[in-house]
Amino acid sequence: MEAFLVSTGVVALGEMGDKTQLLAMLLAARFRKPVPIVLGILVATLANHALAGAVGQWVADALGPVWLRWIIGVSFLAMAVWMLIPDKIDEGETDAKGLRLGVFGTTVVAFFLAEMGDKTQIATVALAARYDAFVAVVAGTTLGMMLANVPAVYLGDQIAKKVSMTLVHGVSALIFAVLGLLTLLNVGSLF
């Protein structure tokens, strides 16, 4: 349960102001069809995070516990620093003119590609490596993505105006830093 809750919270906070959240707002503004956009985000996130979780499990199996602890701890600390750098959406990631996939297909492709190498994908790898709970981590990170992006699809502009992204990024950075320190200090449980 800890792996699920931590994964959900870390990704939900980490996704605030992220380029994929900006992509969700852009797709919503462009297509004005929230249901296929939300379903596309879900499918893309499940696929992307399942791959990331598998990589995390592989890393955990391939490395010994000491190396794994240090790599994951330092990775979480690096994520804390990365959270303080605001994301900007790349024009190439939002251009769907050449795609003939419809709203759902365009969303799946755009989100899957936007998540490649993104903070939440890297966090999923690290969380899957830290916890021996593939399903819980993938379910948690996917729920976190949905908690951050579904409101962005439906209420994008209104949310962006009322929530301080600097504060959200600061809280996310603090959580990643705490996870990193707890991992380096070999603290087994967060709760």
N, C-alpha and C. Protein backbone atom coordinates (compact mmCIF):
# COMPACT_ATOMS: atom_id res chain seq x y z
N MET A 1 0.83 -1.19 0.00
CA MET A 1 0.00 0.00 0.00
C MET A 1 0.88 1.25 0.00
N GLU A 2 2.02 1.18 0.71
CA GLU A 2 2.93 2.32 0.76
C GLU A 2 3.43 2.69 -0.64
N ALA A 3 3.80 1.66 -1.42
CA ALA A 3 4.31 1.91 -2.77
C ALA A 3 3.26 2.62 -3.61
N PHE A 4 2.00 2.20 -3.50
CA PHE A 4 0.90 2.81 -4.25
C PHE A 4 0.69 4.27 -3.83
N LEU A 5 0.62 4.50 -2.53
CA LEU A 5 0.34 5.86 -2.03
C LEU A 5 1.49 6.82 -2.32
N VAL A 6 2.71 6.37 -2.09
CA VAL A 6 3.87 7.24 -2.37
C VAL A 6 3.94 7.53 -3.86
N SER A 7 3.75 6.50 -4.69
CA SER A 7 3.81 6.69 -6.15
C SER A 7 2.73 7.66 -6.62
N THR A 8 1.53 7.51 -6.09
CA THR A 8 0.44 8.42 -6.47
C THR A 8 0.76 9.85 -6.09
N GLY A 9 1.17 10.06 -4.85
CA GLY A 9 1.44 11.41 -4.36
C GLY A 9 2.60 12.08 -5.06
N VAL A 10 3.68 11.33 -5.22
CA VAL A 10 4.88 11.90 -5.86
C VAL A 10 4.58 12.32 -7.30
N VAL A 11 3.91 11.46 -8.04
CA VAL A 11 3.64 11.78 -9.44
C VAL A 11 2.57 12.86 -9.57
N ALA A 12 1.54 12.82 -8.75
CA ALA A 12 0.50 13.86 -8.83
C ALA A 12 1.11 15.24 -8.58
N LEU A 13 1.95 15.35 -7.56
CA LEU A 13 2.61 16.64 -7.31
C LEU A 13 3.65 16.96 -8.38
N GLY A 14 4.41 15.97 -8.76
CA GLY A 14 5.46 16.19 -9.75
C GLY A 14 4.93 16.58 -11.12
N GLU A 15 3.72 16.18 -11.41
CA GLU A 15 3.13 16.45 -12.71
C GLU A 15 2.57 17.88 -12.82
N MET A 16 2.36 18.53 -11.69
CA MET A 16 1.81 19.89 -11.72
C MET A 16 2.78 20.83 -12.44
N GLY A 17 2.30 21.43 -13.50
CA GLY A 17 3.12 22.35 -14.27
C GLY A 17 4.09 21.66 -15.21
N ASP A 18 4.02 20.33 -15.28
CA ASP A 18 4.90 19.56 -16.15
C ASP A 18 4.44 19.72 -17.61
N LYS A 19 5.34 19.40 -18.54
CA LYS A 19 4.99 19.59 -19.95
C LYS A 19 3.82 18.71 -20.38
N THR A 20 3.64 17.54 -19.76
CA THR A 20 2.49 16.72 -20.14
C THR A 20 1.18 17.32 -19.61
N GLN A 21 1.23 18.02 -18.50
CA GLN A 21 0.03 18.72 -18.04
C GLN A 21 -0.28 19.89 -18.98
N LEU A 22 0.75 20.57 -19.42
CA LEU A 22 0.55 21.62 -20.41
C LEU A 22 0.01 21.04 -21.71
N LEU A 23 0.50 19.85 -22.08
CA LEU A 23 0.00 19.17 -23.28
C LEU A 23 -1.47 18.83 -23.12
N ALA A 24 -1.88 18.38 -21.95
CA ALA A 24 -3.30 18.07 -21.69
C ALA A 24 -4.16 19.32 -21.90
N MET A 25 -3.70 20.45 -21.39
CA MET A 25 -4.44 21.71 -21.57
C MET A 25 -4.51 22.09 -23.05
N LEU A 26 -3.41 21.93 -23.75
CA LEU A 26 -3.36 22.27 -25.17
C LEU A 26 -4.30 21.39 -25.98
N LEU A 27 -4.27 20.08 -25.73
CA LEU A 27 -5.15 19.17 -26.45
C LEU A 27 -6.62 19.48 -26.16
N ALA A 28 -6.92 19.80 -24.90
CA ALA A 28 -8.29 20.15 -24.54
C ALA A 28 -8.75 21.41 -25.25
N ALA A 29 -7.88 22.40 -25.33
CA ALA A 29 -8.23 23.65 -26.01
C ALA A 29 -8.37 23.44 -27.51
N ARG A 30 -7.53 22.58 -28.05
CA ARG A 30 -7.53 22.37 -29.49
C ARG A 30 -8.70 21.52 -29.97
N PHE A 31 -8.98 20.42 -29.26
CA PHE A 31 -9.99 19.47 -29.74
C PHE A 31 -11.33 19.60 -29.06
N ARG A 32 -11.37 20.13 -27.85
CA ARG A 32 -12.61 20.31 -27.08
C ARG A 32 -13.44 19.02 -26.99
N LYS A 33 -12.75 17.90 -26.79
CA LYS A 33 -13.39 16.60 -26.60
C LYS A 33 -12.70 15.92 -25.42
N PRO A 34 -13.13 16.22 -24.20
CA PRO A 34 -12.40 15.75 -23.03
C PRO A 34 -12.36 14.23 -22.84
N VAL A 35 -13.42 13.52 -23.16
CA VAL A 35 -13.44 12.08 -22.89
C VAL A 35 -12.37 11.33 -23.67
N PRO A 36 -12.26 11.49 -25.00
CA PRO A 36 -11.18 10.77 -25.69
C PRO A 36 -9.79 11.25 -25.28
N ILE A 37 -9.67 12.49 -24.86
CA ILE A 37 -8.37 12.99 -24.39
C ILE A 37 -8.00 12.30 -23.08
N VAL A 38 -8.93 12.24 -22.14
CA VAL A 38 -8.68 11.59 -20.85
C VAL A 38 -8.36 10.10 -21.06
N LEU A 39 -9.12 9.42 -21.91
CA LEU A 39 -8.86 8.01 -22.19
C LEU A 39 -7.51 7.81 -22.87
N GLY A 40 -7.14 8.73 -23.76
CA GLY A 40 -5.83 8.67 -24.41
C GLY A 40 -4.70 8.85 -23.41
N ILE A 41 -4.88 9.78 -22.48
CA ILE A 41 -3.87 9.99 -21.43
C ILE A 41 -3.72 8.72 -20.60
N LEU A 42 -4.84 8.08 -20.25
CA LEU A 42 -4.80 6.86 -19.45
C LEU A 42 -4.05 5.74 -20.17
N VAL A 43 -4.38 5.50 -21.43
CA VAL A 43 -3.73 4.43 -22.19
C VAL A 43 -2.23 4.70 -22.36
N ALA A 44 -1.89 5.94 -22.73
CA ALA A 44 -0.48 6.29 -22.92
C ALA A 44 0.31 6.16 -21.62
N THR A 45 -0.29 6.60 -20.52
CA THR A 45 0.38 6.54 -19.22
C THR A 45 0.56 5.11 -18.76
N LEU A 46 -0.46 4.28 -18.91
CA LEU A 46 -0.33 2.87 -18.53
C LEU A 46 0.79 2.20 -19.31
N ALA A 47 0.84 2.43 -20.61
CA ALA A 47 1.89 1.82 -21.44
C ALA A 47 3.27 2.33 -21.05
N ASN A 48 3.39 3.64 -20.92
CA ASN A 48 4.68 4.24 -20.62
C ASN A 48 5.17 3.85 -19.23
N HIS A 49 4.29 3.90 -18.25
CA HIS A 49 4.70 3.61 -16.89
C HIS A 49 4.90 2.11 -16.65
N ALA A 50 4.18 1.27 -17.41
CA ALA A 50 4.45 -0.17 -17.31
C ALA A 50 5.86 -0.47 -17.82
N LEU A 51 6.25 0.16 -18.92
CA LEU A 51 7.62 -0.01 -19.42
C LEU A 51 8.63 0.52 -18.41
N ALA A 52 8.36 1.69 -17.86
CA ALA A 52 9.27 2.29 -16.87
C ALA A 52 9.35 1.42 -15.62
N GLY A 53 8.21 0.89 -15.19
CA GLY A 53 8.21 0.02 -14.02
C GLY A 53 9.00 -1.26 -14.28
N ALA A 54 8.89 -1.81 -15.49
CA ALA A 54 9.65 -3.01 -15.85
C ALA A 54 11.15 -2.71 -15.82
N VAL A 55 11.54 -1.54 -16.32
CA VAL A 55 12.95 -1.15 -16.27
C VAL A 55 13.40 -1.02 -14.82
N GLY A 56 12.57 -0.42 -13.99
CA GLY A 56 12.89 -0.27 -12.57
C GLY A 56 13.06 -1.62 -11.88
N GLN A 57 12.17 -2.56 -12.18
CA GLN A 57 12.29 -3.91 -11.61
C GLN A 57 13.57 -4.59 -12.10
N TRP A 58 13.89 -4.43 -13.37
CA TRP A 58 15.10 -5.02 -13.93
C TRP A 58 16.34 -4.44 -13.24
N VAL A 59 16.35 -3.12 -13.06
CA VAL A 59 17.47 -2.46 -12.39
C VAL A 59 17.62 -3.01 -10.97
N ALA A 60 16.50 -3.17 -10.28
CA ALA A 60 16.55 -3.68 -8.90
C ALA A 60 17.11 -5.10 -8.87
N ASP A 61 16.74 -5.92 -9.85
CA ASP A 61 17.23 -7.29 -9.90
C ASP A 61 18.69 -7.36 -10.31
N ALA A 62 19.12 -6.44 -11.20
CA ALA A 62 20.47 -6.48 -11.74
C ALA A 62 21.53 -5.95 -10.77
N LEU A 63 21.16 -5.05 -9.91
CA LEU A 63 22.12 -4.44 -8.98
C LEU A 63 21.98 -5.06 -7.60
N GLY A 64 23.03 -5.03 -6.86
CA GLY A 64 22.95 -5.46 -5.47
C GLY A 64 22.26 -4.40 -4.63
N PRO A 65 21.83 -4.74 -3.44
CA PRO A 65 21.08 -3.80 -2.61
C PRO A 65 21.84 -2.53 -2.24
N VAL A 66 23.15 -2.62 -2.06
CA VAL A 66 23.92 -1.43 -1.69
C VAL A 66 23.97 -0.45 -2.86
N TRP A 67 24.35 -0.96 -4.05
CA TRP A 67 24.40 -0.08 -5.22
C TRP A 67 23.03 0.49 -5.54
N LEU A 68 22.02 -0.36 -5.44
CA LEU A 68 20.65 0.07 -5.73
C LEU A 68 20.24 1.21 -4.81
N ARG A 69 20.52 1.07 -3.52
CA ARG A 69 20.17 2.12 -2.55
C ARG A 69 20.82 3.44 -2.93
N TRP A 70 22.11 3.42 -3.27
CA TRP A 70 22.81 4.65 -3.61
C TRP A 70 22.30 5.26 -4.92
N ILE A 71 22.09 4.43 -5.91
CA ILE A 71 21.61 4.95 -7.20
C ILE A 71 20.22 5.55 -7.06
N ILE A 72 19.33 4.85 -6.35
CA ILE A 72 17.97 5.37 -6.18
C ILE A 72 17.98 6.62 -5.31
N GLY A 73 18.74 6.61 -4.23
CA GLY A 73 18.81 7.79 -3.36
C GLY A 73 19.30 9.02 -4.10
N VAL A 74 20.38 8.86 -4.86
CA VAL A 74 20.90 9.98 -5.64
C VAL A 74 19.92 10.38 -6.74
N SER A 75 19.23 9.40 -7.34
CA SER A 75 18.23 9.71 -8.37
C SER A 75 17.09 10.55 -7.80
N PHE A 76 16.62 10.20 -6.61
CA PHE A 76 15.56 10.99 -5.98
C PHE A 76 16.05 12.41 -5.66
N LEU A 77 17.29 12.53 -5.22
CA LEU A 77 17.83 13.88 -4.96
C LEU A 77 17.95 14.68 -6.26
N ALA A 78 18.37 14.02 -7.33
CA ALA A 78 18.43 14.69 -8.64
C ALA A 78 17.04 15.11 -9.10
N MET A 79 16.04 14.26 -8.84
CA MET A 79 14.65 14.61 -9.19
C MET A 79 14.20 15.83 -8.39
N ALA A 80 14.64 15.94 -7.16
CA ALA A 80 14.29 17.11 -6.34
C ALA A 80 14.80 18.38 -6.99
N VAL A 81 16.02 18.35 -7.47
CA VAL A 81 16.58 19.52 -8.16
C VAL A 81 15.84 19.77 -9.46
N TRP A 82 15.56 18.70 -10.22
CA TRP A 82 14.88 18.82 -11.51
C TRP A 82 13.48 19.40 -11.34
N MET A 83 12.82 19.10 -10.22
CA MET A 83 11.48 19.64 -9.98
C MET A 83 11.48 21.16 -9.88
N LEU A 84 12.60 21.73 -9.53
CA LEU A 84 12.68 23.20 -9.39
C LEU A 84 12.88 23.90 -10.73
N ILE A 85 13.05 23.13 -11.81
CA ILE A 85 13.23 23.70 -13.15
C ILE A 85 11.89 23.58 -13.87
N PRO A 86 11.23 24.71 -14.17
CA PRO A 86 9.92 24.64 -14.82
C PRO A 86 10.00 24.07 -16.23
N ASP A 87 8.98 23.30 -16.58
CA ASP A 87 8.89 22.72 -17.92
C ASP A 87 8.24 23.69 -18.89
N LYS A 88 8.65 23.57 -20.14
CA LYS A 88 8.00 24.28 -21.23
C LYS A 88 7.66 23.24 -22.27
N ILE A 89 6.52 23.40 -22.88
CA ILE A 89 6.11 22.43 -23.88
C ILE A 89 6.80 22.74 -25.20
N ASP A 90 7.26 21.71 -25.87
CA ASP A 90 7.91 21.87 -27.17
C ASP A 90 6.84 21.87 -28.25
N GLU A 91 6.96 22.76 -29.22
CA GLU A 91 5.97 22.83 -30.29
C GLU A 91 5.84 21.52 -31.03
N GLY A 92 6.93 20.83 -31.25
CA GLY A 92 6.91 19.57 -31.97
C GLY A 92 6.07 18.51 -31.28
N GLU A 93 5.94 18.58 -29.97
CA GLU A 93 5.18 17.59 -29.23
C GLU A 93 3.68 17.85 -29.31
N THR A 94 3.29 19.00 -29.76
CA THR A 94 1.87 19.32 -29.78
C THR A 94 1.30 19.39 -31.19
N ASP A 95 2.14 19.33 -32.19
CA ASP A 95 1.69 19.46 -33.56
C ASP A 95 1.09 18.14 -34.02
N ALA A 96 -0.22 18.10 -34.15
CA ALA A 96 -0.91 16.87 -34.53
C ALA A 96 -1.45 16.96 -35.95
N LYS A 97 -1.02 17.96 -36.73
CA LYS A 97 -1.58 18.15 -38.08
C LYS A 97 -1.36 16.94 -38.97
N GLY A 98 -0.19 16.32 -38.88
CA GLY A 98 0.12 15.20 -39.75
C GLY A 98 -0.50 13.89 -39.30
N LEU A 99 -1.07 13.85 -38.11
CA LEU A 99 -1.64 12.62 -37.59
C LEU A 99 -3.09 12.47 -38.01
N ARG A 100 -3.44 11.29 -38.46
CA ARG A 100 -4.82 10.99 -38.86
C ARG A 100 -5.40 9.96 -37.90
N LEU A 101 -5.12 10.14 -36.64
CA LEU A 101 -5.49 9.15 -35.64
C LEU A 101 -6.72 9.54 -34.83
N GLY A 102 -7.27 10.69 -35.07
CA GLY A 102 -8.38 11.16 -34.27
C GLY A 102 -7.88 11.71 -32.94
N VAL A 103 -8.80 12.19 -32.14
CA VAL A 103 -8.45 12.81 -30.86
C VAL A 103 -7.81 11.79 -29.92
N PHE A 104 -8.41 10.61 -29.79
CA PHE A 104 -7.88 9.58 -28.90
C PHE A 104 -6.47 9.15 -29.33
N GLY A 105 -6.32 8.78 -30.59
CA GLY A 105 -5.02 8.32 -31.10
C GLY A 105 -3.95 9.39 -31.01
N THR A 106 -4.32 10.61 -31.33
CA THR A 106 -3.37 11.72 -31.25
C THR A 106 -2.91 11.92 -29.81
N THR A 107 -3.86 11.83 -28.88
CA THR A 107 -3.52 11.99 -27.46
C THR A 107 -2.60 10.87 -26.99
N VAL A 108 -2.90 9.62 -27.37
CA VAL A 108 -2.06 8.49 -26.97
C VAL A 108 -0.64 8.69 -27.46
N VAL A 109 -0.48 8.98 -28.75
CA VAL A 109 0.85 9.14 -29.32
C VAL A 109 1.57 10.34 -28.70
N ALA A 110 0.89 11.47 -28.61
CA ALA A 110 1.52 12.68 -28.08
C ALA A 110 1.94 12.49 -26.62
N PHE A 111 1.07 11.89 -25.80
CA PHE A 111 1.39 11.69 -24.38
C PHE A 111 2.49 10.67 -24.19
N PHE A 112 2.43 9.57 -24.94
CA PHE A 112 3.45 8.55 -24.79
C PHE A 112 4.82 9.13 -25.12
N LEU A 113 4.91 9.87 -26.22
CA LEU A 113 6.19 10.46 -26.62
C LEU A 113 6.63 11.56 -25.65
N ALA A 114 5.69 12.37 -25.18
CA ALA A 114 6.04 13.44 -24.25
C ALA A 114 6.56 12.89 -22.92
N GLU A 115 6.09 11.72 -22.53
CA GLU A 115 6.52 11.11 -21.27
C GLU A 115 7.90 10.45 -21.36
N MET A 116 8.39 10.20 -22.56
CA MET A 116 9.69 9.55 -22.71
C MET A 116 10.78 10.44 -22.11
N GLY A 117 11.44 9.94 -21.08
CA GLY A 117 12.51 10.69 -20.43
C GLY A 117 12.02 11.81 -19.53
N ASP A 118 10.71 11.89 -19.32
CA ASP A 118 10.14 12.94 -18.49
C ASP A 118 10.33 12.61 -17.01
N LYS A 119 10.14 13.61 -16.17
CA LYS A 119 10.32 13.43 -14.73
C LYS A 119 9.50 12.27 -14.18
N THR A 120 8.24 12.19 -14.59
CA THR A 120 7.38 11.16 -14.03
C THR A 120 7.79 9.77 -14.52
N GLN A 121 8.32 9.66 -15.71
CA GLN A 121 8.80 8.36 -16.18
C GLN A 121 10.04 7.94 -15.39
N ILE A 122 10.96 8.88 -15.20
CA ILE A 122 12.16 8.59 -14.42
C ILE A 122 11.78 8.26 -12.97
N ALA A 123 10.81 8.98 -12.43
CA ALA A 123 10.35 8.70 -11.07
C ALA A 123 9.74 7.30 -10.99
N THR A 124 9.01 6.89 -12.01
CA THR A 124 8.42 5.55 -12.04
C THR A 124 9.50 4.48 -12.03
N VAL A 125 10.56 4.69 -12.81
CA VAL A 125 11.68 3.75 -12.80
C VAL A 125 12.27 3.65 -11.39
N ALA A 126 12.52 4.79 -10.78
CA ALA A 126 13.12 4.82 -9.44
C ALA A 126 12.20 4.20 -8.40
N LEU A 127 10.91 4.51 -8.46
CA LEU A 127 9.96 3.96 -7.49
C LEU A 127 9.83 2.45 -7.66
N ALA A 128 9.80 1.98 -8.91
CA ALA A 128 9.70 0.53 -9.14
C ALA A 128 10.96 -0.19 -8.67
N ALA A 129 12.10 0.49 -8.78
CA ALA A 129 13.34 -0.11 -8.29
C ALA A 129 13.38 -0.10 -6.76
N ARG A 130 12.85 0.96 -6.15
CA ARG A 130 12.89 1.06 -4.68
C ARG A 130 11.93 0.08 -4.01
N TYR A 131 10.71 -0.01 -4.55
CA TYR A 131 9.70 -0.88 -3.97
C TYR A 131 9.60 -2.15 -4.82
N ASP A 132 9.48 -3.26 -4.21
CA ASP A 132 9.29 -4.51 -4.93
C ASP A 132 7.79 -4.72 -5.12
N ALA A 133 7.17 -3.79 -5.86
CA ALA A 133 5.72 -3.80 -6.01
C ALA A 133 5.36 -3.17 -7.36
N PHE A 134 5.66 -3.89 -8.44
CA PHE A 134 5.46 -3.39 -9.80
C PHE A 134 4.04 -2.86 -10.02
N VAL A 135 3.04 -3.67 -9.72
CA VAL A 135 1.64 -3.29 -9.98
C VAL A 135 1.26 -2.07 -9.14
N ALA A 136 1.64 -2.05 -7.89
CA ALA A 136 1.29 -0.93 -7.02
C ALA A 136 1.95 0.36 -7.51
N VAL A 137 3.20 0.29 -7.94
CA VAL A 137 3.90 1.48 -8.42
C VAL A 137 3.28 1.98 -9.72
N VAL A 138 3.05 1.08 -10.68
CA VAL A 138 2.47 1.50 -11.97
C VAL A 138 1.05 2.03 -11.76
N ALA A 139 0.27 1.36 -10.93
CA ALA A 139 -1.09 1.85 -10.64
C ALA A 139 -1.03 3.22 -9.95
N GLY A 140 -0.12 3.37 -9.01
CA GLY A 140 0.01 4.64 -8.29
C GLY A 140 0.49 5.78 -9.17
N THR A 141 1.51 5.52 -9.98
CA THR A 141 2.01 6.60 -10.85
C THR A 141 0.98 6.96 -11.92
N THR A 142 0.24 5.96 -12.38
CA THR A 142 -0.82 6.23 -13.36
C THR A 142 -1.94 7.04 -12.72
N LEU A 143 -2.34 6.68 -11.52
CA LEU A 143 -3.37 7.46 -10.81
C LEU A 143 -2.87 8.88 -10.57
N GLY A 144 -1.62 9.03 -10.18
CA GLY A 144 -1.06 10.37 -9.98
C GLY A 144 -1.12 11.20 -11.25
N MET A 145 -0.79 10.58 -12.39
CA MET A 145 -0.88 11.30 -13.67
C MET A 145 -2.32 11.72 -13.96
N MET A 146 -3.25 10.83 -13.68
CA MET A 146 -4.65 11.13 -13.96
C MET A 146 -5.17 12.22 -13.01
N LEU A 147 -4.75 12.17 -11.75
CA LEU A 147 -5.18 13.21 -10.79
C LEU A 147 -4.69 14.59 -11.21
N ALA A 148 -3.52 14.65 -11.82
CA ALA A 148 -2.98 15.94 -12.25
C ALA A 148 -3.52 16.37 -13.61
N ASN A 149 -3.76 15.41 -14.51
CA ASN A 149 -4.09 15.78 -15.89
C ASN A 149 -5.57 15.85 -16.21
N VAL A 150 -6.41 15.07 -15.54
CA VAL A 150 -7.85 15.14 -15.82
C VAL A 150 -8.39 16.54 -15.50
N PRO A 151 -8.07 17.09 -14.32
CA PRO A 151 -8.54 18.47 -14.09
C PRO A 151 -7.96 19.46 -15.11
N ALA A 152 -6.74 19.19 -15.57
CA ALA A 152 -6.14 20.09 -16.57
C ALA A 152 -6.94 20.05 -17.87
N VAL A 153 -7.46 18.89 -18.21
CA VAL A 153 -8.27 18.77 -19.43
C VAL A 153 -9.57 19.55 -19.27
N TYR A 154 -10.20 19.43 -18.12
CA TYR A 154 -11.50 20.06 -17.91
C TYR A 154 -11.44 21.51 -17.43
N LEU A 155 -10.41 21.85 -16.66
CA LEU A 155 -10.37 23.17 -16.03
C LEU A 155 -9.04 23.89 -16.23
N GLY A 156 -8.28 23.51 -17.20
CA GLY A 156 -6.90 23.95 -17.39
C GLY A 156 -6.58 25.39 -17.05
N ASP A 157 -7.17 26.33 -17.74
CA ASP A 157 -6.82 27.73 -17.53
C ASP A 157 -7.19 28.21 -16.13
N GLN A 158 -8.33 27.78 -15.62
CA GLN A 158 -8.77 28.21 -14.30
C GLN A 158 -7.82 27.72 -13.20
N ILE A 159 -7.35 26.47 -13.33
CA ILE A 159 -6.42 25.91 -12.34
C ILE A 159 -5.08 26.64 -12.40
N ALA A 160 -4.57 26.84 -13.59
CA ALA A 160 -3.26 27.47 -13.76
C ALA A 160 -3.21 28.86 -13.14
N LYS A 161 -4.32 29.56 -13.18
CA LYS A 161 -4.36 30.92 -12.63
C LYS A 161 -4.43 30.94 -11.11
N LYS A 162 -4.92 29.87 -10.48
CA LYS A 162 -5.16 29.88 -9.04
C LYS A 162 -4.12 29.14 -8.22
N VAL A 163 -3.32 28.28 -8.86
CA VAL A 163 -2.36 27.46 -8.13
C VAL A 163 -0.95 27.96 -8.41
N SER A 164 -0.20 28.20 -7.36
CA SER A 164 1.19 28.65 -7.51
C SER A 164 2.06 27.45 -7.90
N MET A 165 2.50 27.44 -9.15
CA MET A 165 3.35 26.34 -9.63
C MET A 165 4.69 26.34 -8.90
N THR A 166 5.16 27.49 -8.50
CA THR A 166 6.42 27.56 -7.75
C THR A 166 6.28 26.81 -6.43
N LEU A 167 5.16 27.01 -5.74
CA LEU A 167 4.90 26.30 -4.49
C LEU A 167 4.77 24.80 -4.72
N VAL A 168 4.00 24.42 -5.73
CA VAL A 168 3.80 23.00 -6.03
C VAL A 168 5.13 22.34 -6.37
N HIS A 169 5.94 22.99 -7.18
CA HIS A 169 7.25 22.43 -7.54
C HIS A 169 8.16 22.35 -6.30
N GLY A 170 8.07 23.33 -5.43
CA GLY A 170 8.86 23.31 -4.20
C GLY A 170 8.47 22.15 -3.29
N VAL A 171 7.17 21.92 -3.13
CA VAL A 171 6.69 20.80 -2.32
C VAL A 171 7.13 19.47 -2.96
N SER A 172 7.00 19.37 -4.27
CA SER A 172 7.43 18.16 -4.97
C SER A 172 8.92 17.92 -4.78
N ALA A 173 9.71 18.97 -4.91
CA ALA A 173 11.16 18.85 -4.71
C ALA A 173 11.47 18.37 -3.30
N LEU A 174 10.75 18.91 -2.32
CA LEU A 174 10.96 18.51 -0.93
C LEU A 174 10.63 17.02 -0.75
N ILE A 175 9.55 16.56 -1.34
CA ILE A 175 9.18 15.15 -1.22
C ILE A 175 10.24 14.25 -1.85
N PHE A 176 10.72 14.61 -3.05
CA PHE A 176 11.78 13.82 -3.68
C PHE A 176 13.05 13.85 -2.84
N ALA A 177 13.38 14.99 -2.26
CA ALA A 177 14.58 15.09 -1.41
C ALA A 177 14.45 14.19 -0.18
N VAL A 178 13.27 14.19 0.44
CA VAL A 178 13.05 13.33 1.61
C VAL A 178 13.15 11.86 1.21
N LEU A 179 12.53 11.50 0.08
CA LEU A 179 12.64 10.12 -0.40
C LEU A 179 14.10 9.74 -0.64
N GLY A 180 14.86 10.65 -1.24
CA GLY A 180 16.27 10.40 -1.50
C GLY A 180 17.06 10.19 -0.22
N LEU A 181 16.84 11.06 0.75
CA LEU A 181 17.56 10.95 2.02
C LEU A 181 17.17 9.68 2.78
N LEU A 182 15.87 9.37 2.80
CA LEU A 182 15.43 8.15 3.47
C LEU A 182 16.03 6.92 2.81
N THR A 183 16.13 6.95 1.49
CA THR A 183 16.72 5.82 0.78
C THR A 183 18.20 5.71 1.09
N LEU A 184 18.92 6.83 1.06
CA LEU A 184 20.36 6.80 1.35
C LEU A 184 20.64 6.38 2.78
N LEU A 185 19.76 6.76 3.69
CA LEU A 185 19.93 6.40 5.10
C LEU A 185 19.39 5.00 5.39
N ASN A 186 18.86 4.35 4.33
CA ASN A 186 18.37 2.98 4.42
C ASN A 186 17.17 2.85 5.37
N VAL A 187 16.30 3.84 5.34
CA VAL A 187 15.07 3.79 6.13
C VAL A 187 14.08 2.99 5.31
N GLY A 188 13.61 1.88 5.84
CA GLY A 188 12.79 0.94 5.08
C GLY A 188 11.37 1.41 4.78
N SER A 189 10.77 2.16 5.67
CA SER A 189 9.38 2.53 5.48
C SER A 189 9.19 4.02 5.71
N LEU A 190 8.31 4.60 4.93
CA LEU A 190 8.06 6.04 5.09
C LEU A 190 6.94 6.31 6.08
N PHE A 191 6.13 5.32 6.38
CA PHE A 191 5.00 5.52 7.28
C PHE A 191 5.11 4.65 8.50
